[in-house]
Amino acid sequence: MQLQVARIGKPHGIRGEVTVQVLTDAPADRFVPDVELTVEPARLGPLTVSSARWNKDILLLGFHEVSDRNGAEELRGAKLFIDTDDVQDDDDAWYEHELVGLDVRVGDEVVGKVSGLNTLPAQDLLIVENVDGEEVLVPFVEAIVPEVDVEAGFVRLTPPAGLFELNAPDTQETPDDGEGER
């Protein structure tokens, strides 16, 4: 399966380097010299990384196939992908496509399905659609999500009290504006 790891931005300099929006949590592992990346649109690739360096907080990539600014300009907006079959994974790491559709269980009771994954700098959040069709954000940490079994098709939660009720419409209180009944 193909996993998007970056989107190419504008050219940088005259030697064919481009800025990239990094969409992976392991850029040091993904953007090393001689790694071949699949490109969308396909007419632009594949591309082989020749250099990767940081300029402040921006990753700059060079490719063997691109040697000047004009070539780099043609890449603007292209998406870069890796083949996940070629990547060694952690046992405790999952891609969003592996999680979406899994049953969410508390104990043995199914309380919803995983509908997505938000990857954030502080921690990831599982997006769970509960049995009422409402979206609940669940911190994807071992204390709350101790078991992920992709083969069996479920994740098990040990949620803190009130997690599933936190954003439910019928439990939200109206703010007290100081002008209650008299």
N, C-alpha and C. Protein backbone atom coordinates (compact mmCIF):
# COMPACT_ATOMS: atom_id res chain seq x y z
N MET A 1 0.84 -1.18 0.00
CA MET A 1 0.00 0.00 0.00
C MET A 1 0.88 1.23 0.00
N GLN A 2 0.43 2.26 -0.68
CA GLN A 2 1.15 3.51 -0.76
C GLN A 2 0.75 4.43 0.39
N LEU A 3 1.75 5.07 1.01
CA LEU A 3 1.52 5.99 2.12
C LEU A 3 2.16 7.32 1.76
N GLN A 4 1.36 8.41 1.80
CA GLN A 4 1.89 9.72 1.47
C GLN A 4 2.79 10.20 2.60
N VAL A 5 4.01 10.63 2.26
CA VAL A 5 4.97 11.10 3.26
C VAL A 5 5.30 12.58 3.12
N ALA A 6 4.94 13.18 1.98
CA ALA A 6 5.25 14.61 1.80
C ALA A 6 4.47 15.16 0.61
N ARG A 7 4.42 16.50 0.59
CA ARG A 7 3.89 17.23 -0.56
C ARG A 7 4.94 18.27 -0.92
N ILE A 8 5.27 18.34 -2.19
CA ILE A 8 6.32 19.25 -2.65
C ILE A 8 5.78 20.67 -2.72
N GLY A 9 6.59 21.60 -2.21
CA GLY A 9 6.26 23.02 -2.25
C GLY A 9 7.04 23.72 -3.35
N LYS A 10 7.53 24.89 -3.03
CA LYS A 10 8.22 25.70 -4.04
C LYS A 10 9.69 25.31 -4.16
N PRO A 11 10.31 25.70 -5.29
CA PRO A 11 11.74 25.46 -5.47
C PRO A 11 12.55 26.27 -4.46
N HIS A 12 13.75 25.78 -4.19
CA HIS A 12 14.66 26.48 -3.28
C HIS A 12 16.02 26.57 -3.98
N GLY A 13 16.41 27.75 -4.35
CA GLY A 13 17.69 27.93 -5.04
C GLY A 13 17.61 27.55 -6.50
N ILE A 14 18.80 27.40 -7.12
CA ILE A 14 18.86 27.16 -8.56
C ILE A 14 19.31 25.74 -8.91
N ARG A 15 19.60 24.91 -7.91
CA ARG A 15 20.14 23.57 -8.17
C ARG A 15 19.09 22.46 -8.12
N GLY A 16 17.81 22.80 -8.12
CA GLY A 16 16.76 21.79 -8.20
C GLY A 16 16.19 21.33 -6.87
N GLU A 17 16.61 21.93 -5.76
CA GLU A 17 16.04 21.55 -4.46
C GLU A 17 14.62 22.11 -4.35
N VAL A 18 13.80 21.40 -3.56
CA VAL A 18 12.43 21.85 -3.32
C VAL A 18 12.15 21.82 -1.82
N THR A 19 11.21 22.66 -1.39
CA THR A 19 10.71 22.59 -0.03
C THR A 19 9.63 21.52 -0.01
N VAL A 20 9.46 20.86 1.14
CA VAL A 20 8.40 19.87 1.24
C VAL A 20 7.63 20.04 2.53
N GLN A 21 6.35 19.77 2.45
CA GLN A 21 5.50 19.68 3.64
C GLN A 21 5.61 18.23 4.09
N VAL A 22 6.21 18.01 5.26
CA VAL A 22 6.45 16.67 5.76
C VAL A 22 5.17 16.10 6.36
N LEU A 23 4.79 14.90 5.93
CA LEU A 23 3.57 14.25 6.40
C LEU A 23 3.88 12.91 7.06
N THR A 24 5.08 12.77 7.60
CA THR A 24 5.49 11.55 8.28
C THR A 24 6.12 11.93 9.62
N ASP A 25 6.03 11.03 10.57
CA ASP A 25 6.64 11.31 11.86
C ASP A 25 8.09 10.84 11.91
N ALA A 26 8.60 10.31 10.81
CA ALA A 26 9.98 9.83 10.77
C ALA A 26 10.70 10.31 9.51
N PRO A 27 10.85 11.64 9.35
CA PRO A 27 11.48 12.14 8.13
C PRO A 27 12.93 11.66 7.98
N ALA A 28 13.64 11.49 9.08
CA ALA A 28 15.03 11.04 9.00
C ALA A 28 15.13 9.63 8.43
N ASP A 29 14.10 8.83 8.59
CA ASP A 29 14.08 7.47 8.05
C ASP A 29 13.55 7.41 6.63
N ARG A 30 12.68 8.35 6.26
CA ARG A 30 12.01 8.31 4.95
C ARG A 30 12.80 9.00 3.85
N PHE A 31 13.53 10.08 4.19
CA PHE A 31 14.19 10.90 3.18
C PHE A 31 15.70 10.78 3.29
N VAL A 32 16.21 9.63 2.92
CA VAL A 32 17.65 9.39 2.93
C VAL A 32 18.11 9.22 1.48
N PRO A 33 19.37 9.53 1.21
CA PRO A 33 19.85 9.42 -0.16
C PRO A 33 19.58 8.03 -0.76
N ASP A 34 19.22 8.05 -2.03
CA ASP A 34 18.96 6.88 -2.86
C ASP A 34 17.65 6.16 -2.56
N VAL A 35 16.77 6.76 -1.74
CA VAL A 35 15.43 6.20 -1.54
C VAL A 35 14.56 6.65 -2.72
N GLU A 36 13.85 5.69 -3.30
CA GLU A 36 12.98 6.00 -4.42
C GLU A 36 11.56 6.24 -3.91
N LEU A 37 10.98 7.36 -4.32
CA LEU A 37 9.64 7.75 -3.90
C LEU A 37 8.70 7.74 -5.11
N THR A 38 7.51 7.24 -4.90
CA THR A 38 6.48 7.27 -5.93
C THR A 38 5.88 8.68 -5.92
N VAL A 39 5.53 9.18 -7.08
CA VAL A 39 5.04 10.55 -7.21
C VAL A 39 3.64 10.54 -7.82
N GLU A 40 2.82 11.44 -7.32
CA GLU A 40 1.50 11.67 -7.92
C GLU A 40 1.45 13.14 -8.29
N PRO A 41 1.28 13.51 -9.51
CA PRO A 41 0.94 12.71 -10.67
C PRO A 41 2.13 11.87 -11.15
N ALA A 42 1.81 10.69 -11.65
CA ALA A 42 2.80 9.68 -12.02
C ALA A 42 3.77 10.15 -13.11
N ARG A 43 3.35 11.07 -13.96
CA ARG A 43 4.22 11.53 -15.05
C ARG A 43 5.48 12.21 -14.52
N LEU A 44 5.49 12.62 -13.24
CA LEU A 44 6.63 13.31 -12.66
C LEU A 44 7.65 12.38 -11.99
N GLY A 45 7.34 11.11 -11.89
CA GLY A 45 8.23 10.26 -11.10
C GLY A 45 8.42 8.91 -11.71
N PRO A 46 9.02 8.03 -10.95
CA PRO A 46 9.45 8.14 -9.56
C PRO A 46 10.66 9.07 -9.41
N LEU A 47 10.87 9.51 -8.18
CA LEU A 47 12.00 10.38 -7.86
C LEU A 47 12.90 9.69 -6.85
N THR A 48 14.21 9.87 -7.01
CA THR A 48 15.19 9.29 -6.10
C THR A 48 15.87 10.41 -5.33
N VAL A 49 15.80 10.34 -4.01
CA VAL A 49 16.37 11.38 -3.16
C VAL A 49 17.89 11.42 -3.33
N SER A 50 18.42 12.63 -3.59
CA SER A 50 19.87 12.80 -3.65
C SER A 50 20.37 13.51 -2.41
N SER A 51 19.52 14.37 -1.83
CA SER A 51 19.92 15.09 -0.61
C SER A 51 18.68 15.47 0.18
N ALA A 52 18.88 15.56 1.49
CA ALA A 52 17.82 16.01 2.40
C ALA A 52 18.50 16.82 3.49
N ARG A 53 18.02 18.03 3.69
CA ARG A 53 18.59 18.88 4.74
C ARG A 53 17.52 19.83 5.26
N TRP A 54 17.73 20.24 6.49
CA TRP A 54 16.80 21.18 7.11
C TRP A 54 17.34 22.59 7.00
N ASN A 55 16.48 23.52 6.62
CA ASN A 55 16.78 24.94 6.62
C ASN A 55 15.77 25.59 7.55
N LYS A 56 16.21 25.87 8.77
CA LYS A 56 15.33 26.28 9.86
C LYS A 56 14.34 25.14 10.11
N ASP A 57 13.05 25.35 9.92
CA ASP A 57 12.06 24.29 10.15
C ASP A 57 11.53 23.70 8.85
N ILE A 58 12.22 23.95 7.75
CA ILE A 58 11.74 23.50 6.44
C ILE A 58 12.68 22.44 5.89
N LEU A 59 12.11 21.30 5.48
CA LEU A 59 12.91 20.25 4.87
C LEU A 59 13.10 20.55 3.39
N LEU A 60 14.34 20.49 2.95
CA LEU A 60 14.69 20.68 1.54
C LEU A 60 15.16 19.35 0.98
N LEU A 61 14.57 18.96 -0.14
CA LEU A 61 14.97 17.72 -0.80
C LEU A 61 15.53 18.01 -2.18
N GLY A 62 16.56 17.24 -2.53
CA GLY A 62 17.10 17.24 -3.88
C GLY A 62 16.86 15.85 -4.46
N PHE A 63 16.69 15.77 -5.76
CA PHE A 63 16.44 14.49 -6.43
C PHE A 63 17.44 14.31 -7.57
N HIS A 64 17.88 13.08 -7.78
CA HIS A 64 18.81 12.78 -8.87
C HIS A 64 18.23 13.19 -10.22
N GLU A 65 16.92 13.12 -10.37
CA GLU A 65 16.26 13.39 -11.66
C GLU A 65 16.05 14.88 -11.93
N VAL A 66 16.31 15.75 -10.95
CA VAL A 66 16.04 17.19 -11.10
C VAL A 66 17.32 17.95 -10.81
N SER A 67 17.78 18.74 -11.80
CA SER A 67 19.07 19.42 -11.61
C SER A 67 18.99 20.94 -11.64
N ASP A 68 17.80 21.49 -11.92
CA ASP A 68 17.71 22.95 -11.97
C ASP A 68 16.37 23.45 -11.44
N ARG A 69 16.27 24.76 -11.31
CA ARG A 69 15.06 25.38 -10.76
C ARG A 69 13.83 25.11 -11.62
N ASN A 70 13.99 25.09 -12.94
CA ASN A 70 12.84 24.83 -13.82
C ASN A 70 12.26 23.45 -13.57
N GLY A 71 13.12 22.46 -13.42
CA GLY A 71 12.66 21.10 -13.12
C GLY A 71 11.98 21.04 -11.77
N ALA A 72 12.54 21.78 -10.80
CA ALA A 72 11.94 21.81 -9.46
C ALA A 72 10.57 22.48 -9.48
N GLU A 73 10.42 23.50 -10.30
CA GLU A 73 9.13 24.21 -10.40
C GLU A 73 8.04 23.27 -10.93
N GLU A 74 8.38 22.36 -11.83
CA GLU A 74 7.41 21.42 -12.37
C GLU A 74 6.87 20.46 -11.30
N LEU A 75 7.63 20.26 -10.23
CA LEU A 75 7.23 19.34 -9.16
C LEU A 75 6.27 19.97 -8.15
N ARG A 76 6.11 21.29 -8.18
CA ARG A 76 5.30 21.98 -7.18
C ARG A 76 3.91 21.34 -7.07
N GLY A 77 3.53 21.00 -5.83
CA GLY A 77 2.21 20.43 -5.56
C GLY A 77 2.15 18.91 -5.67
N ALA A 78 3.22 18.29 -6.15
CA ALA A 78 3.23 16.82 -6.30
C ALA A 78 3.25 16.16 -4.92
N LYS A 79 2.68 14.98 -4.84
CA LYS A 79 2.65 14.20 -3.60
C LYS A 79 3.69 13.10 -3.69
N LEU A 80 4.39 12.86 -2.56
CA LEU A 80 5.41 11.83 -2.50
C LEU A 80 4.92 10.68 -1.63
N PHE A 81 5.10 9.45 -2.11
CA PHE A 81 4.62 8.26 -1.43
C PHE A 81 5.74 7.25 -1.24
N ILE A 82 5.61 6.42 -0.20
CA ILE A 82 6.46 5.25 -0.04
C ILE A 82 5.55 4.03 -0.08
N ASP A 83 6.15 2.90 -0.37
CA ASP A 83 5.41 1.65 -0.34
C ASP A 83 5.55 1.08 1.07
N THR A 84 4.45 0.94 1.80
CA THR A 84 4.51 0.48 3.20
C THR A 84 4.97 -0.96 3.32
N ASP A 85 4.90 -1.73 2.25
CA ASP A 85 5.39 -3.12 2.30
C ASP A 85 6.91 -3.16 2.41
N ASP A 86 7.58 -2.09 1.96
CA ASP A 86 9.04 -2.03 2.00
C ASP A 86 9.59 -1.48 3.31
N VAL A 87 8.71 -1.03 4.19
CA VAL A 87 9.13 -0.37 5.42
C VAL A 87 9.00 -1.31 6.60
N GLN A 88 10.04 -1.38 7.43
CA GLN A 88 9.95 -2.16 8.66
C GLN A 88 9.20 -1.32 9.67
N ASP A 89 8.17 -1.91 10.26
CA ASP A 89 7.34 -1.18 11.21
C ASP A 89 7.64 -1.58 12.63
N ASP A 90 7.34 -0.65 13.55
CA ASP A 90 7.32 -0.96 14.97
C ASP A 90 6.13 -1.87 15.22
N ASP A 91 6.22 -2.70 16.24
CA ASP A 91 5.06 -3.50 16.62
C ASP A 91 3.96 -2.62 17.20
N ASP A 92 4.32 -1.46 17.72
CA ASP A 92 3.35 -0.56 18.34
C ASP A 92 3.01 0.63 17.45
N ALA A 93 3.12 0.48 16.15
CA ALA A 93 2.80 1.57 15.23
C ALA A 93 1.81 1.06 14.19
N TRP A 94 0.82 1.89 13.90
CA TRP A 94 -0.20 1.52 12.93
C TRP A 94 -0.44 2.69 12.00
N TYR A 95 -0.79 2.36 10.78
CA TYR A 95 -1.21 3.37 9.82
C TYR A 95 -2.71 3.55 9.94
N GLU A 96 -3.18 4.73 9.55
CA GLU A 96 -4.61 5.03 9.65
C GLU A 96 -5.44 4.00 8.90
N HIS A 97 -5.00 3.60 7.71
CA HIS A 97 -5.80 2.65 6.92
C HIS A 97 -5.95 1.30 7.63
N GLU A 98 -5.03 0.97 8.55
CA GLU A 98 -5.14 -0.28 9.28
C GLU A 98 -6.17 -0.18 10.41
N LEU A 99 -6.39 1.04 10.91
CA LEU A 99 -7.27 1.24 12.07
C LEU A 99 -8.72 1.53 11.69
N VAL A 100 -8.92 2.23 10.58
CA VAL A 100 -10.27 2.63 10.18
C VAL A 100 -11.14 1.39 9.96
N GLY A 101 -12.31 1.39 10.60
CA GLY A 101 -13.26 0.29 10.47
C GLY A 101 -13.19 -0.72 11.59
N LEU A 102 -12.14 -0.64 12.44
CA LEU A 102 -12.05 -1.58 13.55
C LEU A 102 -13.13 -1.28 14.58
N ASP A 103 -13.69 -2.33 15.19
CA ASP A 103 -14.64 -2.16 16.29
C ASP A 103 -13.90 -1.56 17.47
N VAL A 104 -14.59 -0.73 18.23
CA VAL A 104 -14.04 -0.16 19.46
C VAL A 104 -14.78 -0.82 20.61
N ARG A 105 -14.03 -1.46 21.50
CA ARG A 105 -14.63 -2.19 22.62
C ARG A 105 -14.20 -1.59 23.94
N VAL A 106 -15.14 -1.56 24.87
CA VAL A 106 -14.86 -1.29 26.27
C VAL A 106 -15.27 -2.56 26.98
N GLY A 107 -14.28 -3.29 27.50
CA GLY A 107 -14.56 -4.65 27.97
C GLY A 107 -14.90 -5.49 26.76
N ASP A 108 -16.05 -6.17 26.78
CA ASP A 108 -16.48 -6.95 25.62
C ASP A 108 -17.59 -6.25 24.85
N GLU A 109 -17.98 -5.06 25.29
CA GLU A 109 -19.07 -4.32 24.64
C GLU A 109 -18.52 -3.44 23.51
N VAL A 110 -19.14 -3.56 22.33
CA VAL A 110 -18.75 -2.71 21.20
C VAL A 110 -19.44 -1.36 21.38
N VAL A 111 -18.63 -0.30 21.44
CA VAL A 111 -19.16 1.05 21.67
C VAL A 111 -19.04 1.95 20.45
N GLY A 112 -18.46 1.42 19.36
CA GLY A 112 -18.33 2.22 18.15
C GLY A 112 -17.34 1.62 17.18
N LYS A 113 -16.95 2.43 16.19
CA LYS A 113 -15.96 2.03 15.19
C LYS A 113 -14.95 3.15 15.01
N VAL A 114 -13.72 2.78 14.70
CA VAL A 114 -12.69 3.77 14.40
C VAL A 114 -13.00 4.35 13.02
N SER A 115 -13.10 5.69 12.93
CA SER A 115 -13.37 6.31 11.64
C SER A 115 -12.19 7.12 11.13
N GLY A 116 -11.14 7.28 11.96
CA GLY A 116 -9.98 8.02 11.49
C GLY A 116 -8.92 8.12 12.57
N LEU A 117 -7.83 8.79 12.22
CA LEU A 117 -6.71 9.01 13.13
C LEU A 117 -6.19 10.40 12.90
N ASN A 118 -6.15 11.22 13.94
CA ASN A 118 -5.54 12.55 13.88
C ASN A 118 -4.15 12.44 14.45
N THR A 119 -3.14 12.72 13.63
CA THR A 119 -1.77 12.70 14.14
C THR A 119 -1.38 14.13 14.48
N LEU A 120 -1.10 14.35 15.75
CA LEU A 120 -0.78 15.68 16.25
C LEU A 120 0.60 15.65 16.89
N PRO A 121 1.24 16.81 17.06
CA PRO A 121 2.57 16.82 17.65
C PRO A 121 2.63 16.24 19.07
N ALA A 122 1.65 16.53 19.89
CA ALA A 122 1.68 16.05 21.28
C ALA A 122 1.32 14.58 21.38
N GLN A 123 0.24 14.18 20.75
CA GLN A 123 -0.19 12.78 20.75
C GLN A 123 -1.21 12.58 19.66
N ASP A 124 -1.39 11.34 19.26
CA ASP A 124 -2.38 11.02 18.25
C ASP A 124 -3.74 10.85 18.90
N LEU A 125 -4.80 11.09 18.11
CA LEU A 125 -6.17 10.91 18.58
C LEU A 125 -6.89 9.95 17.66
N LEU A 126 -7.51 8.92 18.23
CA LEU A 126 -8.39 8.05 17.46
C LEU A 126 -9.72 8.78 17.30
N ILE A 127 -10.25 8.76 16.10
CA ILE A 127 -11.58 9.31 15.87
C ILE A 127 -12.52 8.13 15.87
N VAL A 128 -13.43 8.12 16.84
CA VAL A 128 -14.35 7.01 17.02
C VAL A 128 -15.76 7.50 16.75
N GLU A 129 -16.48 6.76 15.91
CA GLU A 129 -17.90 7.03 15.72
C GLU A 129 -18.64 6.09 16.66
N ASN A 130 -19.31 6.68 17.68
CA ASN A 130 -19.98 5.82 18.67
C ASN A 130 -21.27 5.24 18.10
N VAL A 131 -21.96 4.43 18.88
CA VAL A 131 -23.16 3.74 18.40
C VAL A 131 -24.29 4.70 18.04
N ASP A 132 -24.23 5.94 18.55
CA ASP A 132 -25.24 6.95 18.21
C ASP A 132 -24.84 7.76 16.98
N GLY A 133 -23.70 7.42 16.37
CA GLY A 133 -23.25 8.12 15.18
C GLY A 133 -22.50 9.41 15.47
N GLU A 134 -22.17 9.64 16.74
CA GLU A 134 -21.45 10.86 17.11
C GLU A 134 -19.95 10.58 17.13
N GLU A 135 -19.18 11.62 16.84
CA GLU A 135 -17.72 11.50 16.81
C GLU A 135 -17.15 11.76 18.19
N VAL A 136 -16.26 10.87 18.63
CA VAL A 136 -15.57 11.01 19.91
C VAL A 136 -14.08 10.93 19.64
N LEU A 137 -13.33 11.88 20.19
CA LEU A 137 -11.87 11.86 20.05
C LEU A 137 -11.27 11.17 21.26
N VAL A 138 -10.45 10.15 21.01
CA VAL A 138 -9.86 9.35 22.08
C VAL A 138 -8.35 9.46 22.00
N PRO A 139 -7.69 9.93 23.07
CA PRO A 139 -6.22 9.96 23.04
C PRO A 139 -5.65 8.57 22.77
N PHE A 140 -4.80 8.48 21.75
CA PHE A 140 -4.24 7.19 21.35
C PHE A 140 -2.96 6.94 22.16
N VAL A 141 -3.16 6.67 23.44
CA VAL A 141 -2.07 6.38 24.37
C VAL A 141 -2.33 5.02 25.00
N GLU A 142 -1.28 4.34 25.42
CA GLU A 142 -1.42 2.97 25.92
C GLU A 142 -2.33 2.88 27.14
N ALA A 143 -2.38 3.92 27.97
CA ALA A 143 -3.23 3.87 29.16
C ALA A 143 -4.71 3.81 28.80
N ILE A 144 -5.09 4.39 27.67
CA ILE A 144 -6.50 4.42 27.25
C ILE A 144 -6.79 3.40 26.16
N VAL A 145 -5.81 3.12 25.31
CA VAL A 145 -5.96 2.14 24.23
C VAL A 145 -4.89 1.06 24.44
N PRO A 146 -5.13 0.15 25.39
CA PRO A 146 -4.10 -0.84 25.71
C PRO A 146 -3.97 -1.97 24.70
N GLU A 147 -4.98 -2.16 23.84
CA GLU A 147 -4.93 -3.28 22.91
C GLU A 147 -5.44 -2.88 21.55
N VAL A 148 -4.63 -3.15 20.53
CA VAL A 148 -5.02 -2.98 19.13
C VAL A 148 -4.78 -4.33 18.47
N ASP A 149 -5.85 -4.94 17.97
CA ASP A 149 -5.73 -6.24 17.32
C ASP A 149 -6.33 -6.12 15.91
N VAL A 150 -5.46 -5.75 14.97
CA VAL A 150 -5.90 -5.54 13.59
C VAL A 150 -6.43 -6.84 13.00
N GLU A 151 -5.75 -7.95 13.31
CA GLU A 151 -6.16 -9.25 12.77
C GLU A 151 -7.58 -9.62 13.22
N ALA A 152 -7.89 -9.39 14.51
CA ALA A 152 -9.22 -9.73 15.04
C ALA A 152 -10.23 -8.62 14.77
N GLY A 153 -9.76 -7.45 14.33
CA GLY A 153 -10.67 -6.38 13.94
C GLY A 153 -11.20 -5.51 15.06
N PHE A 154 -10.38 -5.25 16.10
CA PHE A 154 -10.87 -4.38 17.18
C PHE A 154 -9.74 -3.66 17.89
N VAL A 155 -10.14 -2.58 18.58
CA VAL A 155 -9.28 -1.91 19.56
C VAL A 155 -10.04 -1.95 20.88
N ARG A 156 -9.30 -2.14 21.96
CA ARG A 156 -9.93 -2.17 23.28
C ARG A 156 -9.55 -0.88 24.01
N LEU A 157 -10.55 -0.27 24.62
CA LEU A 157 -10.33 0.96 25.37
C LEU A 157 -10.54 0.74 26.86
N THR A 158 -9.82 1.52 27.64
CA THR A 158 -10.08 1.65 29.08
C THR A 158 -10.22 3.16 29.31
N PRO A 159 -11.35 3.72 28.86
CA PRO A 159 -11.50 5.18 28.88
C PRO A 159 -11.76 5.71 30.29
N PRO A 160 -11.31 6.92 30.55
CA PRO A 160 -11.65 7.55 31.82
C PRO A 160 -13.16 7.84 31.84
N ALA A 161 -13.71 7.91 33.02
CA ALA A 161 -15.16 8.18 33.17
C ALA A 161 -15.53 9.45 32.42
N GLY A 162 -16.60 9.35 31.65
CA GLY A 162 -17.14 10.52 30.96
C GLY A 162 -16.55 10.81 29.59
N LEU A 163 -15.56 10.02 29.15
CA LEU A 163 -14.94 10.31 27.85
C LEU A 163 -15.95 10.29 26.72
N PHE A 164 -16.85 9.31 26.70
CA PHE A 164 -17.82 9.21 25.62
C PHE A 164 -18.98 10.18 25.81
N GLU A 165 -19.16 10.70 26.99
CA GLU A 165 -20.25 11.65 27.25
C GLU A 165 -19.79 13.09 27.15
N LEU A 166 -18.48 13.32 27.08
CA LEU A 166 -17.91 14.65 27.16
C LEU A 166 -18.53 15.63 26.18
N ASN A 167 -18.69 15.22 24.93
CA ASN A 167 -19.21 16.14 23.91
C ASN A 167 -20.62 15.81 23.46
N ALA A 168 -21.30 14.95 24.21
CA ALA A 168 -22.67 14.59 23.83
C ALA A 168 -23.57 15.81 24.01
N PRO A 169 -24.46 16.07 23.02
CA PRO A 169 -25.30 17.26 23.07
C PRO A 169 -26.22 17.33 24.29
N ASP A 170 -26.74 16.20 24.76
CA ASP A 170 -27.70 16.26 25.86
C ASP A 170 -27.02 16.44 27.22
N THR A 171 -25.68 16.35 27.29
CA THR A 171 -25.01 16.53 28.58
C THR A 171 -24.32 17.88 28.70
N GLN A 172 -24.30 18.65 27.61
CA GLN A 172 -23.66 19.95 27.69
C GLN A 172 -24.57 20.92 28.43
N GLU A 173 -23.97 21.63 29.36
CA GLU A 173 -24.75 22.60 30.12
C GLU A 173 -24.70 23.94 29.41
N THR A 174 -25.77 24.70 29.57
CA THR A 174 -25.75 26.04 29.02
C THR A 174 -25.00 26.93 29.99
N PRO A 175 -24.20 27.84 29.49
CA PRO A 175 -23.42 28.69 30.38
C PRO A 175 -24.32 29.56 31.25
N ASP A 176 -23.93 29.76 32.47
CA ASP A 176 -24.69 30.60 33.40
C ASP A 176 -24.31 32.05 33.15
N ASP A 177 -25.27 32.80 32.64
CA ASP A 177 -24.98 34.20 32.33
C ASP A 177 -25.31 35.13 33.49
N GLY A 178 -25.64 34.55 34.62
CA GLY A 178 -25.94 35.36 35.81
C GLY A 178 -27.35 35.88 35.85
N GLU A 179 -28.13 35.57 34.82
CA GLU A 179 -29.51 36.04 34.79
C GLU A 179 -30.46 34.86 34.78
N GLY A 180 -30.31 33.98 35.74
CA GLY A 180 -31.17 32.80 35.84
C GLY A 180 -32.57 33.20 36.29
N GLU A 181 -33.38 32.22 36.59
CA GLU A 181 -34.76 32.46 37.02
C GLU A 181 -34.76 33.21 38.34
N ARG A 182 -35.75 34.07 38.52
CA ARG A 182 -35.89 34.84 39.76
C ARG A 182 -37.23 34.65 40.36
